[in-house]
Amino acid sequence: MYATGTMLRQSAALAADIEGLTGPVASRVGEALATVPGEALRRVVLVGSGDSHHAGRAAQLAFLRLTGLPCEALGTQQFLDYGMLGPAGLHAATLVVAVSASGSSPRL
């Protein structure tokens, strides 16, 4: 059972957790994006399953607002079935980001 005290402790720690995690993630993203000229990038597609797909859905608006790039979140199977014919296939300059909390999804 998920206790209220546990939820309150986790909520109180959330700001510090986010601060501690965003620095390393931002650094890795910066390194990856440094290999692609910014003006060449036209679209972002976030691919994931389950909670990772929902995280991508939550990040869509942030990508648009912070970068001005259109962003779409697709489920892994949806991307495998239609990804290259759909949003990712529209532009050669599409950044596809595979999101996995466990890192063990064979399809992703």
PDB file of N, CA and C in Angstrom:
ATOM      1  N   MET A   1       0.839  -1.181   0.000  1.00  0.00           N
ATOM      2  CA  MET A   1       0.000   0.000   0.000  1.00  0.00           C
ATOM      3  C   MET A   1       0.886   1.248   0.000  1.00  0.00           C
ATOM      4  N   TYR A   2       0.497   2.225  -0.745  1.00  0.00           N
ATOM      5  CA  TYR A   2       1.251   3.455  -0.874  1.00  0.00           C
ATOM      6  C   TYR A   2       0.773   4.437   0.194  1.00  0.00           C
ATOM      7  N   ALA A   3       1.620   4.709   1.182  1.00  0.00           N
ATOM      8  CA  ALA A   3       1.228   5.530   2.324  1.00  0.00           C
ATOM      9  C   ALA A   3       1.355   7.015   2.005  1.00  0.00           C
ATOM     10  N   THR A   4       0.523   7.802   2.633  1.00  0.00           N
ATOM     11  CA  THR A   4       0.547   9.248   2.452  1.00  0.00           C
ATOM     12  C   THR A   4       1.897   9.826   2.864  1.00  0.00           C
ATOM     13  N   GLY A   5       2.479   9.320   3.950  1.00  0.00           N
ATOM     14  CA  GLY A   5       3.781   9.803   4.396  1.00  0.00           C
ATOM     15  C   GLY A   5       4.865   9.595   3.345  1.00  0.00           C
ATOM     16  N   THR A   6       4.822   8.442   2.682  1.00  0.00           N
ATOM     17  CA  THR A   6       5.785   8.148   1.617  1.00  0.00           C
ATOM     18  C   THR A   6       5.628   9.136   0.472  1.00  0.00           C
ATOM     19  N   MET A   7       4.386   9.384   0.085  1.00  0.00           N
ATOM     20  CA  MET A   7       4.116  10.320  -1.004  1.00  0.00           C
ATOM     21  C   MET A   7       4.582  11.727  -0.640  1.00  0.00           C
ATOM     22  N   LEU A   8       4.368  12.150   0.587  1.00  0.00           N
ATOM     23  CA  LEU A   8       4.797  13.481   1.020  1.00  0.00           C
ATOM     24  C   LEU A   8       6.324  13.591   1.034  1.00  0.00           C
ATOM     25  N   ARG A   9       7.018  12.539   1.490  1.00  0.00           N
ATOM     26  CA  ARG A   9       8.491  12.552   1.476  1.00  0.00           C
ATOM     27  C   ARG A   9       9.017  12.613   0.041  1.00  0.00           C
ATOM     28  N   GLN A  10       8.419  11.844  -0.842  1.00  0.00           N
ATOM     29  CA  GLN A  10       8.852  11.860  -2.238  1.00  0.00           C
ATOM     30  C   GLN A  10       8.575  13.212  -2.877  1.00  0.00           C
ATOM     31  N   SER A  11       7.452  13.808  -2.573  1.00  0.00           N
ATOM     32  CA  SER A  11       7.125  15.138  -3.110  1.00  0.00           C
ATOM     33  C   SER A  11       8.113  16.182  -2.614  1.00  0.00           C
ATOM     34  N   ALA A  12       8.489  16.090  -1.355  1.00  0.00           N
ATOM     35  CA  ALA A  12       9.437  17.044  -0.785  1.00  0.00           C
ATOM     36  C   ALA A  12      10.822  16.896  -1.420  1.00  0.00           C
ATOM     37  N   ALA A  13      11.181  15.698  -1.829  1.00  0.00           N
ATOM     38  CA  ALA A  13      12.497  15.450  -2.428  1.00  0.00           C
ATOM     39  C   ALA A  13      12.519  15.711  -3.930  1.00  0.00           C
ATOM     40  N   LEU A  14      11.373  15.938  -4.537  1.00  0.00           N
ATOM     41  CA  LEU A  14      11.277  16.044  -5.987  1.00  0.00           C
ATOM     42  C   LEU A  14      12.121  17.177  -6.570  1.00  0.00           C
ATOM     43  N   ALA A  15      12.089  18.343  -5.967  1.00  0.00           N
ATOM     44  CA  ALA A  15      12.847  19.480  -6.503  1.00  0.00           C
ATOM     45  C   ALA A  15      14.346  19.170  -6.531  1.00  0.00           C
ATOM     46  N   ALA A  16      14.874  18.609  -5.467  1.00  0.00           N
ATOM     47  CA  ALA A  16      16.299  18.263  -5.430  1.00  0.00           C
ATOM     48  C   ALA A  16      16.615  17.159  -6.431  1.00  0.00           C
ATOM     49  N   ASP A  17      15.719  16.190  -6.570  1.00  0.00           N
ATOM     50  CA  ASP A  17      15.927  15.115  -7.545  1.00  0.00           C
ATOM     51  C   ASP A  17      15.989  15.682  -8.962  1.00  0.00           C
ATOM     52  N   ILE A  18      15.064  16.555  -9.283  1.00  0.00           N
ATOM     53  CA  ILE A  18      15.033  17.154 -10.623  1.00  0.00           C
ATOM     54  C   ILE A  18      16.299  17.961 -10.871  1.00  0.00           C
ATOM     55  N   GLU A  19      16.705  18.748  -9.892  1.00  0.00           N
ATOM     56  CA  GLU A  19      17.922  19.551 -10.044  1.00  0.00           C
ATOM     57  C   GLU A  19      19.143  18.657 -10.255  1.00  0.00           C
ATOM     58  N   GLY A  20      19.228  17.575  -9.514  1.00  0.00           N
ATOM     59  CA  GLY A  20      20.365  16.672  -9.631  1.00  0.00           C
ATOM     60  C   GLY A  20      20.404  15.903 -10.938  1.00  0.00           C
ATOM     61  N   LEU A  21      19.237  15.625 -11.511  1.00  0.00           N
ATOM     62  CA  LEU A  21      19.169  14.839 -12.735  1.00  0.00           C
ATOM     63  C   LEU A  21      19.260  15.672 -14.009  1.00  0.00           C
ATOM     64  N   THR A  22      18.796  16.907 -13.974  1.00  0.00           N
ATOM     65  CA  THR A  22      18.752  17.688 -15.209  1.00  0.00           C
ATOM     66  C   THR A  22      20.130  18.083 -15.712  1.00  0.00           C
ATOM     67  N   GLY A  23      21.075  18.319 -14.817  1.00  0.00           N
ATOM     68  CA  GLY A  23      22.417  18.697 -15.257  1.00  0.00           C
ATOM     69  C   GLY A  23      23.069  17.630 -16.126  1.00  0.00           C
ATOM     70  N   PRO A  24      23.194  16.392 -15.633  1.00  0.00           N
ATOM     71  CA  PRO A  24      23.797  15.336 -16.456  1.00  0.00           C
ATOM     72  C   PRO A  24      23.015  15.051 -17.741  1.00  0.00           C
ATOM     73  N   VAL A  25      21.693  15.073 -17.658  1.00  0.00           N
ATOM     74  CA  VAL A  25      20.884  14.815 -18.854  1.00  0.00           C
ATOM     75  C   VAL A  25      21.096  15.931 -19.870  1.00  0.00           C
ATOM     76  N   ALA A  26      21.072  17.172 -19.427  1.00  0.00           N
ATOM     77  CA  ALA A  26      21.282  18.305 -20.339  1.00  0.00           C
ATOM     78  C   ALA A  26      22.651  18.212 -20.999  1.00  0.00           C
ATOM     79  N   SER A  27      23.647  17.803 -20.252  1.00  0.00           N
ATOM     80  CA  SER A  27      24.992  17.666 -20.797  1.00  0.00           C
ATOM     81  C   SER A  27      25.032  16.601 -21.895  1.00  0.00           C
ATOM     82  N   ARG A  28      24.413  15.458 -21.649  1.00  0.00           N
ATOM     83  CA  ARG A  28      24.400  14.375 -22.643  1.00  0.00           C
ATOM     84  C   ARG A  28      23.600  14.767 -23.877  1.00  0.00           C
ATOM     85  N   VAL A  29      22.501  15.448 -23.676  1.00  0.00           N
ATOM     86  CA  VAL A  29      21.697  15.905 -24.812  1.00  0.00           C
ATOM     87  C   VAL A  29      22.491  16.916 -25.626  1.00  0.00           C
ATOM     88  N   GLY A  30      23.172  17.836 -24.942  1.00  0.00           N
ATOM     89  CA  GLY A  30      24.000  18.820 -25.642  1.00  0.00           C
ATOM     90  C   GLY A  30      25.076  18.167 -26.482  1.00  0.00           C
ATOM     91  N   GLU A  31      25.724  17.129 -25.943  1.00  0.00           N
ATOM     92  CA  GLU A  31      26.749  16.405 -26.688  1.00  0.00           C
ATOM     93  C   GLU A  31      26.159  15.740 -27.937  1.00  0.00           C
ATOM     94  N   ALA A  32      24.990  15.140 -27.776  1.00  0.00           N
ATOM     95  CA  ALA A  32      24.353  14.467 -28.915  1.00  0.00           C
ATOM     96  C   ALA A  32      23.940  15.472 -29.978  1.00  0.00           C
ATOM     97  N   LEU A  33      23.360  16.593 -29.555  1.00  0.00           N
ATOM     98  CA  LEU A  33      22.888  17.585 -30.520  1.00  0.00           C
ATOM     99  C   LEU A  33      24.029  18.345 -31.188  1.00  0.00           C
ATOM    100  N   ALA A  34      25.207  18.357 -30.560  1.00  0.00           N
ATOM    101  CA  ALA A  34      26.355  19.050 -31.144  1.00  0.00           C
ATOM    102  C   ALA A  34      26.780  18.398 -32.458  1.00  0.00           C
ATOM    103  N   THR A  35      26.400  17.157 -32.673  1.00  0.00           N
ATOM    104  CA  THR A  35      26.757  16.470 -33.912  1.00  0.00           C
ATOM    105  C   THR A  35      25.815  16.821 -35.058  1.00  0.00           C
ATOM    106  N   VAL A  36      24.706  17.494 -34.754  1.00  0.00           N
ATOM    107  CA  VAL A  36      23.720  17.869 -35.771  1.00  0.00           C
ATOM    108  C   VAL A  36      23.636  19.382 -35.832  1.00  0.00           C
ATOM    109  N   PRO A  37      23.888  19.983 -36.997  1.00  0.00           N
ATOM    110  CA  PRO A  37      23.731  21.436 -37.086  1.00  0.00           C
ATOM    111  C   PRO A  37      22.303  21.832 -36.722  1.00  0.00           C
ATOM    112  N   GLY A  38      22.146  22.795 -35.809  1.00  0.00           N
ATOM    113  CA  GLY A  38      20.827  23.200 -35.321  1.00  0.00           C
ATOM    114  C   GLY A  38      19.862  23.587 -36.413  1.00  0.00           C
ATOM    115  N   GLU A  39      20.363  24.295 -37.436  1.00  0.00           N
ATOM    116  CA  GLU A  39      19.463  24.728 -38.502  1.00  0.00           C
ATOM    117  C   GLU A  39      19.011  23.554 -39.367  1.00  0.00           C
ATOM    118  N   ALA A  40      19.717  22.417 -39.286  1.00  0.00           N
ATOM    119  CA  ALA A  40      19.344  21.260 -40.087  1.00  0.00           C
ATOM    120  C   ALA A  40      18.203  20.468 -39.458  1.00  0.00           C
ATOM    121  N   LEU A  41      18.005  20.605 -38.168  1.00  0.00           N
ATOM    122  CA  LEU A  41      16.984  19.851 -37.455  1.00  0.00           C
ATOM    123  C   LEU A  41      15.623  20.514 -37.655  1.00  0.00           C
ATOM    124  N   ARG A  42      14.644  19.725 -38.111  1.00  0.00           N
ATOM    125  CA  ARG A  42      13.319  20.296 -38.391  1.00  0.00           C
ATOM    126  C   ARG A  42      12.190  19.692 -37.568  1.00  0.00           C
ATOM    127  N   ARG A  43      12.425  18.534 -36.975  1.00  0.00           N
ATOM    128  CA  ARG A  43      11.343  17.848 -36.260  1.00  0.00           C
ATOM    129  C   ARG A  43      11.932  16.894 -35.236  1.00  0.00           C
ATOM    130  N   VAL A  44      11.185  16.657 -34.158  1.00  0.00           N
ATOM    131  CA  VAL A  44      11.594  15.717 -33.115  1.00  0.00           C
ATOM    132  C   VAL A  44      10.475  14.690 -32.943  1.00  0.00           C
ATOM    133  N   VAL A  45      10.854  13.424 -32.891  1.00  0.00           N
ATOM    134  CA  VAL A  45       9.901  12.349 -32.613  1.00  0.00           C
ATOM    135  C   VAL A  45      10.413  11.600 -31.390  1.00  0.00           C
ATOM    136  N   LEU A  46       9.589  11.521 -30.363  1.00  0.00           N
ATOM    137  CA  LEU A  46       9.924  10.817 -29.129  1.00  0.00           C
ATOM    138  C   LEU A  46       9.215   9.467 -29.150  1.00  0.00           C
ATOM    139  N   VAL A  47       9.962   8.384 -28.981  1.00  0.00           N
ATOM    140  CA  VAL A  47       9.404   7.035 -29.092  1.00  0.00           C
ATOM    141  C   VAL A  47       9.598   6.300 -27.777  1.00  0.00           C
ATOM    142  N   GLY A  48       8.532   5.679 -27.273  1.00  0.00           N
ATOM    143  CA  GLY A  48       8.636   4.914 -26.036  1.00  0.00           C
ATOM    144  C   GLY A  48       7.395   4.083 -25.811  1.00  0.00           C
ATOM    145  N   SER A  49       7.471   3.214 -24.836  1.00  0.00           N
ATOM    146  CA  SER A  49       6.345   2.353 -24.468  1.00  0.00           C
ATOM    147  C   SER A  49       5.948   2.616 -23.022  1.00  0.00           C
ATOM    148  N   GLY A  50       4.679   2.462 -22.721  1.00  0.00           N
ATOM    149  CA  GLY A  50       4.197   2.610 -21.341  1.00  0.00           C
ATOM    150  C   GLY A  50       4.503   3.982 -20.764  1.00  0.00           C
ATOM    151  N   ASP A  51       5.111   3.991 -19.569  1.00  0.00           N
ATOM    152  CA  ASP A  51       5.435   5.253 -18.902  1.00  0.00           C
ATOM    153  C   ASP A  51       6.385   6.104 -19.737  1.00  0.00           C
ATOM    154  N   SER A  52       7.277   5.467 -20.481  1.00  0.00           N
ATOM    155  CA  SER A  52       8.223   6.214 -21.316  1.00  0.00           C
ATOM    156  C   SER A  52       7.491   6.947 -22.438  1.00  0.00           C
ATOM    157  N   HIS A  53       6.446   6.334 -22.964  1.00  0.00           N
ATOM    158  CA  HIS A  53       5.626   7.011 -23.978  1.00  0.00           C
ATOM    159  C   HIS A  53       4.909   8.210 -23.360  1.00  0.00           C
ATOM    160  N   HIS A  54       4.404   8.034 -22.148  1.00  0.00           N
ATOM    161  CA  HIS A  54       3.720   9.138 -21.472  1.00  0.00           C
ATOM    162  C   HIS A  54       4.694  10.273 -21.158  1.00  0.00           C
ATOM    163  N   ALA A  55       5.934   9.932 -20.825  1.00  0.00           N
ATOM    164  CA  ALA A  55       6.953  10.964 -20.593  1.00  0.00           C
ATOM    165  C   ALA A  55       7.194  11.751 -21.877  1.00  0.00           C
ATOM    166  N   GLY A  56       7.244  11.057 -22.993  1.00  0.00           N
ATOM    167  CA  GLY A  56       7.389  11.739 -24.282  1.00  0.00           C
ATOM    168  C   GLY A  56       6.217  12.645 -24.576  1.00  0.00           C
ATOM    169  N   ARG A  57       5.018  12.167 -24.273  1.00  0.00           N
ATOM    170  CA  ARG A  57       3.816  13.006 -24.482  1.00  0.00           C
ATOM    171  C   ARG A  57       3.891  14.267 -23.634  1.00  0.00           C
ATOM    172  N   ALA A  58       4.390  14.110 -22.413  1.00  0.00           N
ATOM    173  CA  ALA A  58       4.499  15.258 -21.511  1.00  0.00           C
ATOM    174  C   ALA A  58       5.555  16.257 -21.997  1.00  0.00           C
ATOM    175  N   ALA A  59       6.548  15.772 -22.723  1.00  0.00           N
ATOM    176  CA  ALA A  59       7.645  16.635 -23.178  1.00  0.00           C
ATOM    177  C   ALA A  59       7.373  17.325 -24.513  1.00  0.00           C
ATOM    178  N   GLN A  60       6.340  16.934 -25.216  1.00  0.00           N
ATOM    179  CA  GLN A  60       6.056  17.503 -26.537  1.00  0.00           C
ATOM    180  C   GLN A  60       5.991  19.024 -26.522  1.00  0.00           C
ATOM    181  N   LEU A  61       5.195  19.568 -25.669  1.00  0.00           N
ATOM    182  CA  LEU A  61       5.008  21.011 -25.628  1.00  0.00           C
ATOM    183  C   LEU A  61       6.299  21.724 -25.249  1.00  0.00           C
ATOM    184  N   ALA A  62       7.081  21.134 -24.347  1.00  0.00           N
ATOM    185  CA  ALA A  62       8.359  21.739 -23.956  1.00  0.00           C
ATOM    186  C   ALA A  62       9.290  21.844 -25.160  1.00  0.00           C
ATOM    187  N   PHE A  63       9.369  20.797 -25.980  1.00  0.00           N
ATOM    188  CA  PHE A  63      10.212  20.861 -27.174  1.00  0.00           C
ATOM    189  C   PHE A  63       9.772  21.999 -28.077  1.00  0.00           C
ATOM    190  N   LEU A  64       8.476  22.103 -28.299  1.00  0.00           N
ATOM    191  CA  LEU A  64       7.973  23.161 -29.171  1.00  0.00           C
ATOM    192  C   LEU A  64       8.272  24.543 -28.597  1.00  0.00           C
ATOM    193  N   ARG A  65       7.990  24.732 -27.330  1.00  0.00           N
ATOM    194  CA  ARG A  65       8.186  26.051 -26.724  1.00  0.00           C
ATOM    195  C   ARG A  65       9.649  26.432 -26.567  1.00  0.00           C
ATOM    196  N   LEU A  66      10.500  25.479 -26.220  1.00  0.00           N
ATOM    197  CA  LEU A  66      11.903  25.789 -25.965  1.00  0.00           C
ATOM    198  C   LEU A  66      12.756  25.825 -27.233  1.00  0.00           C
ATOM    199  N   THR A  67      12.357  25.066 -28.253  1.00  0.00           N
ATOM    200  CA  THR A  67      13.180  24.997 -29.466  1.00  0.00           C
ATOM    201  C   THR A  67      12.479  25.519 -30.704  1.00  0.00           C
ATOM    202  N   GLY A  68      11.152  25.605 -30.643  1.00  0.00           N
ATOM    203  CA  GLY A  68      10.390  26.001 -31.827  1.00  0.00           C
ATOM    204  C   GLY A  68      10.227  24.860 -32.823  1.00  0.00           C
ATOM    205  N   LEU A  69      10.708  23.669 -32.451  1.00  0.00           N
ATOM    206  CA  LEU A  69      10.608  22.512 -33.340  1.00  0.00           C
ATOM    207  C   LEU A  69       9.321  21.740 -33.089  1.00  0.00           C
ATOM    208  N   PRO A  70       8.643  21.323 -34.154  1.00  0.00           N
ATOM    209  CA  PRO A  70       7.495  20.443 -33.956  1.00  0.00           C
ATOM    210  C   PRO A  70       7.968  19.137 -33.327  1.00  0.00           C
ATOM    211  N   CYS A  71       7.177  18.597 -32.426  1.00  0.00           N
ATOM    212  CA  CYS A  71       7.547  17.383 -31.721  1.00  0.00           C
ATOM    213  C   CYS A  71       6.328  16.491 -31.609  1.00  0.00           C
ATOM    214  N   GLU A  72       6.541  15.201 -31.838  1.00  0.00           N
ATOM    215  CA  GLU A  72       5.449  14.244 -31.709  1.00  0.00           C
ATOM    216  C   GLU A  72       5.934  13.041 -30.917  1.00  0.00           C
ATOM    217  N   ALA A  73       5.105  12.551 -30.022  1.00  0.00           N
ATOM    218  CA  ALA A  73       5.418  11.357 -29.244  1.00  0.00           C
ATOM    219  C   ALA A  73       4.635  10.186 -29.824  1.00  0.00           C
ATOM    220  N   LEU A  74       5.338   9.097 -30.096  1.00  0.00           N
ATOM    221  CA  LEU A  74       4.713   7.906 -30.647  1.00  0.00           C
ATOM    222  C   LEU A  74       5.017   6.711 -29.761  1.00  0.00           C
ATOM    223  N   GLY A  75       4.051   5.808 -29.670  1.00  0.00           N
ATOM    224  CA  GLY A  75       4.309   4.544 -29.006  1.00  0.00           C
ATOM    225  C   GLY A  75       5.298   3.747 -29.847  1.00  0.00           C
ATOM    226  N   THR A  76       6.053   2.857 -29.212  1.00  0.00           N
ATOM    227  CA  THR A  76       7.074   2.098 -29.930  1.00  0.00           C
ATOM    228  C   THR A  76       6.492   1.333 -31.111  1.00  0.00           C
ATOM    229  N   GLN A  77       5.407   0.607 -30.876  1.00  0.00           N
ATOM    230  CA  GLN A  77       4.830  -0.171 -31.972  1.00  0.00           C
ATOM    231  C   GLN A  77       4.286   0.726 -33.067  1.00  0.00           C
ATOM    232  N   GLN A  78       3.683   1.841 -32.694  1.00  0.00           N
ATOM    233  CA  GLN A  78       3.177   2.795 -33.689  1.00  0.00           C
ATOM    234  C   GLN A  78       4.327   3.305 -34.559  1.00  0.00           C
ATOM    235  N   PHE A  79       5.464   3.610 -33.939  1.00  0.00           N
ATOM    236  CA  PHE A  79       6.616   4.072 -34.705  1.00  0.00           C
ATOM    237  C   PHE A  79       7.138   2.970 -35.621  1.00  0.00           C
ATOM    238  N   LEU A  80       7.215   1.737 -35.095  1.00  0.00           N
ATOM    239  CA  LEU A  80       7.701   0.629 -35.919  1.00  0.00           C
ATOM    240  C   LEU A  80       6.775   0.376 -37.106  1.00  0.00           C
ATOM    241  N   ASP A  81       5.476   0.502 -36.886  1.00  0.00           N
ATOM    242  CA  ASP A  81       4.511   0.251 -37.957  1.00  0.00           C
ATOM    243  C   ASP A  81       4.447   1.393 -38.967  1.00  0.00           C
ATOM    244  N   TYR A  82       4.502   2.638 -38.481  1.00  0.00           N
ATOM    245  CA  TYR A  82       4.235   3.781 -39.356  1.00  0.00           C
ATOM    246  C   TYR A  82       5.274   4.892 -39.290  1.00  0.00           C
ATOM    247  N   GLY A  83       6.245   4.792 -38.400  1.00  0.00           N
ATOM    248  CA  GLY A  83       7.158   5.894 -38.131  1.00  0.00           C
ATOM    249  C   GLY A  83       7.845   6.483 -39.330  1.00  0.00           C
ATOM    250  N   MET A  84       8.420   5.680 -40.168  1.00  0.00           N
ATOM    251  CA  MET A  84       9.155   6.215 -41.298  1.00  0.00           C
ATOM    252  C   MET A  84       8.226   6.662 -42.418  1.00  0.00           C
ATOM    253  N   LEU A  85       6.994   6.198 -42.399  1.00  0.00           N
ATOM    254  CA  LEU A  85       6.018   6.668 -43.374  1.00  0.00           C
ATOM    255  C   LEU A  85       5.262   7.875 -42.847  1.00  0.00           C
ATOM    256  N   GLY A  86       5.245   8.020 -41.524  1.00  0.00           N
ATOM    257  CA  GLY A  86       4.514   9.109 -40.890  1.00  0.00           C
ATOM    258  C   GLY A  86       5.414  10.276 -40.556  1.00  0.00           C
ATOM    259  N   PRO A  87       5.343  10.759 -39.314  1.00  0.00           N
ATOM    260  CA  PRO A  87       6.034  11.995 -38.945  1.00  0.00           C
ATOM    261  C   PRO A  87       7.543  11.962 -39.126  1.00  0.00           C
ATOM    262  N   ALA A  88       8.190  10.848 -38.839  1.00  0.00           N
ATOM    263  CA  ALA A  88       9.648  10.803 -38.959  1.00  0.00           C
ATOM    264  C   ALA A  88      10.085  10.811 -40.413  1.00  0.00           C
ATOM    265  N   GLY A  89       9.238  10.344 -41.307  1.00  0.00           N
ATOM    266  CA  GLY A  89       9.593  10.286 -42.714  1.00  0.00           C
ATOM    267  C   GLY A  89       9.354  11.579 -43.465  1.00  0.00           C
ATOM    268  N   LEU A  90       8.752  12.563 -42.810  1.00  0.00           N
ATOM    269  CA  LEU A  90       8.436  13.807 -43.497  1.00  0.00           C
ATOM    270  C   LEU A  90       9.680  14.618 -43.837  1.00  0.00           C
ATOM    271  N   HIS A  91      10.667  14.578 -42.991  1.00  0.00           N
ATOM    272  CA  HIS A  91      11.878  15.361 -43.186  1.00  0.00           C
ATOM    273  C   HIS A  91      13.101  14.493 -42.931  1.00  0.00           C
ATOM    274  N   ALA A  92      14.105  14.669 -43.744  1.00  0.00           N
ATOM    275  CA  ALA A  92      15.357  13.947 -43.499  1.00  0.00           C
ATOM    276  C   ALA A  92      15.993  14.429 -42.202  1.00  0.00           C
ATOM    277  N   ALA A  93      15.701  15.646 -41.797  1.00  0.00           N
ATOM    278  CA  ALA A  93      16.307  16.241 -40.603  1.00  0.00           C
ATOM    279  C   ALA A  93      15.413  16.040 -39.385  1.00  0.00           C
ATOM    280  N   THR A  94      15.019  14.791 -39.140  1.00  0.00           N
ATOM    281  CA  THR A  94      14.184  14.444 -37.997  1.00  0.00           C
ATOM    282  C   THR A  94      15.046  13.787 -36.932  1.00  0.00           C
ATOM    283  N   LEU A  95      14.947  14.292 -35.713  1.00  0.00           N
ATOM    284  CA  LEU A  95      15.629  13.685 -34.582  1.00  0.00           C
ATOM    285  C   LEU A  95      14.669  12.705 -33.927  1.00  0.00           C
ATOM    286  N   VAL A  96      15.028  11.432 -33.894  1.00  0.00           N
ATOM    287  CA  VAL A  96      14.216  10.405 -33.236  1.00  0.00           C
ATOM    288  C   VAL A  96      14.902  10.062 -31.923  1.00  0.00           C
ATOM    289  N   VAL A  97      14.162  10.229 -30.819  1.00  0.00           N
ATOM    290  CA  VAL A  97      14.692   9.954 -29.488  1.00  0.00           C
ATOM    291  C   VAL A  97      13.945   8.755 -28.922  1.00  0.00           C
ATOM    292  N   ALA A  98      14.674   7.674 -28.672  1.00  0.00           N
ATOM    293  CA  ALA A  98      14.092   6.485 -28.063  1.00  0.00           C
ATOM    294  C   ALA A  98      14.190   6.633 -26.551  1.00  0.00           C
ATOM    295  N   VAL A  99      13.038   6.532 -25.868  1.00  0.00           N
ATOM    296  CA  VAL A  99      12.980   6.736 -24.422  1.00  0.00           C
ATOM    297  C   VAL A  99      12.645   5.412 -23.753  1.00  0.00           C
ATOM    298  N   SER A 100      13.480   5.006 -22.786  1.00  0.00           N
ATOM    299  CA  SER A 100      13.231   3.764 -22.059  1.00  0.00           C
ATOM    300  C   SER A 100      13.722   3.917 -20.621  1.00  0.00           C
ATOM    301  N   ALA A 101      12.819   3.726 -19.678  1.00  0.00           N
ATOM    302  CA  ALA A 101      13.210   3.808 -18.262  1.00  0.00           C
ATOM    303  C   ALA A 101      14.095   2.636 -17.879  1.00  0.00           C
ATOM    304  N   SER A 102      13.803   1.451 -18.422  1.00  0.00           N
ATOM    305  CA  SER A 102      14.557   0.255 -18.039  1.00  0.00           C
ATOM    306  C   SER A 102      15.748  -0.012 -18.953  1.00  0.00           C
ATOM    307  N   GLY A 103      15.655   0.456 -20.194  1.00  0.00           N
ATOM    308  CA  GLY A 103      16.702   0.164 -21.157  1.00  0.00           C
ATOM    309  C   GLY A 103      16.655  -1.258 -21.678  1.00  0.00           C
ATOM    310  N   SER A 104      15.563  -1.954 -21.407  1.00  0.00           N
ATOM    311  CA  SER A 104      15.514  -3.376 -21.773  1.00  0.00           C
ATOM    312  C   SER A 104      14.399  -3.713 -22.749  1.00  0.00           C
ATOM    313  N   SER A 105      13.794  -2.724 -23.355  1.00  0.00           N
ATOM    314  CA  SER A 105      12.709  -2.995 -24.303  1.00  0.00           C
ATOM    315  C   SER A 105      13.305  -3.425 -25.643  1.00  0.00           C
ATOM    316  N   PRO A 106      13.145  -4.693 -26.038  1.00  0.00           N
ATOM    317  CA  PRO A 106      13.740  -5.162 -27.294  1.00  0.00           C
ATOM    318  C   PRO A 106      13.192  -4.424 -28.522  1.00  0.00           C
ATOM    319  N   ARG A 107      11.904  -4.120 -28.530  1.00  0.00           N
ATOM    320  CA  ARG A 107      11.326  -3.433 -29.691  1.00  0.00           C
ATOM    321  C   ARG A 107      11.887  -2.027 -29.837  1.00  0.00           C
ATOM    322  N   LEU A 108      12.112  -1.357 -28.718  1.00  0.00           N
ATOM    323  CA  LEU A 108      12.626   0.024 -28.767  1.00  0.00           C
ATOM    324  C   LEU A 108      14.081   0.012 -29.195  1.00  0.00           C
TER     325      LEU A 108
END
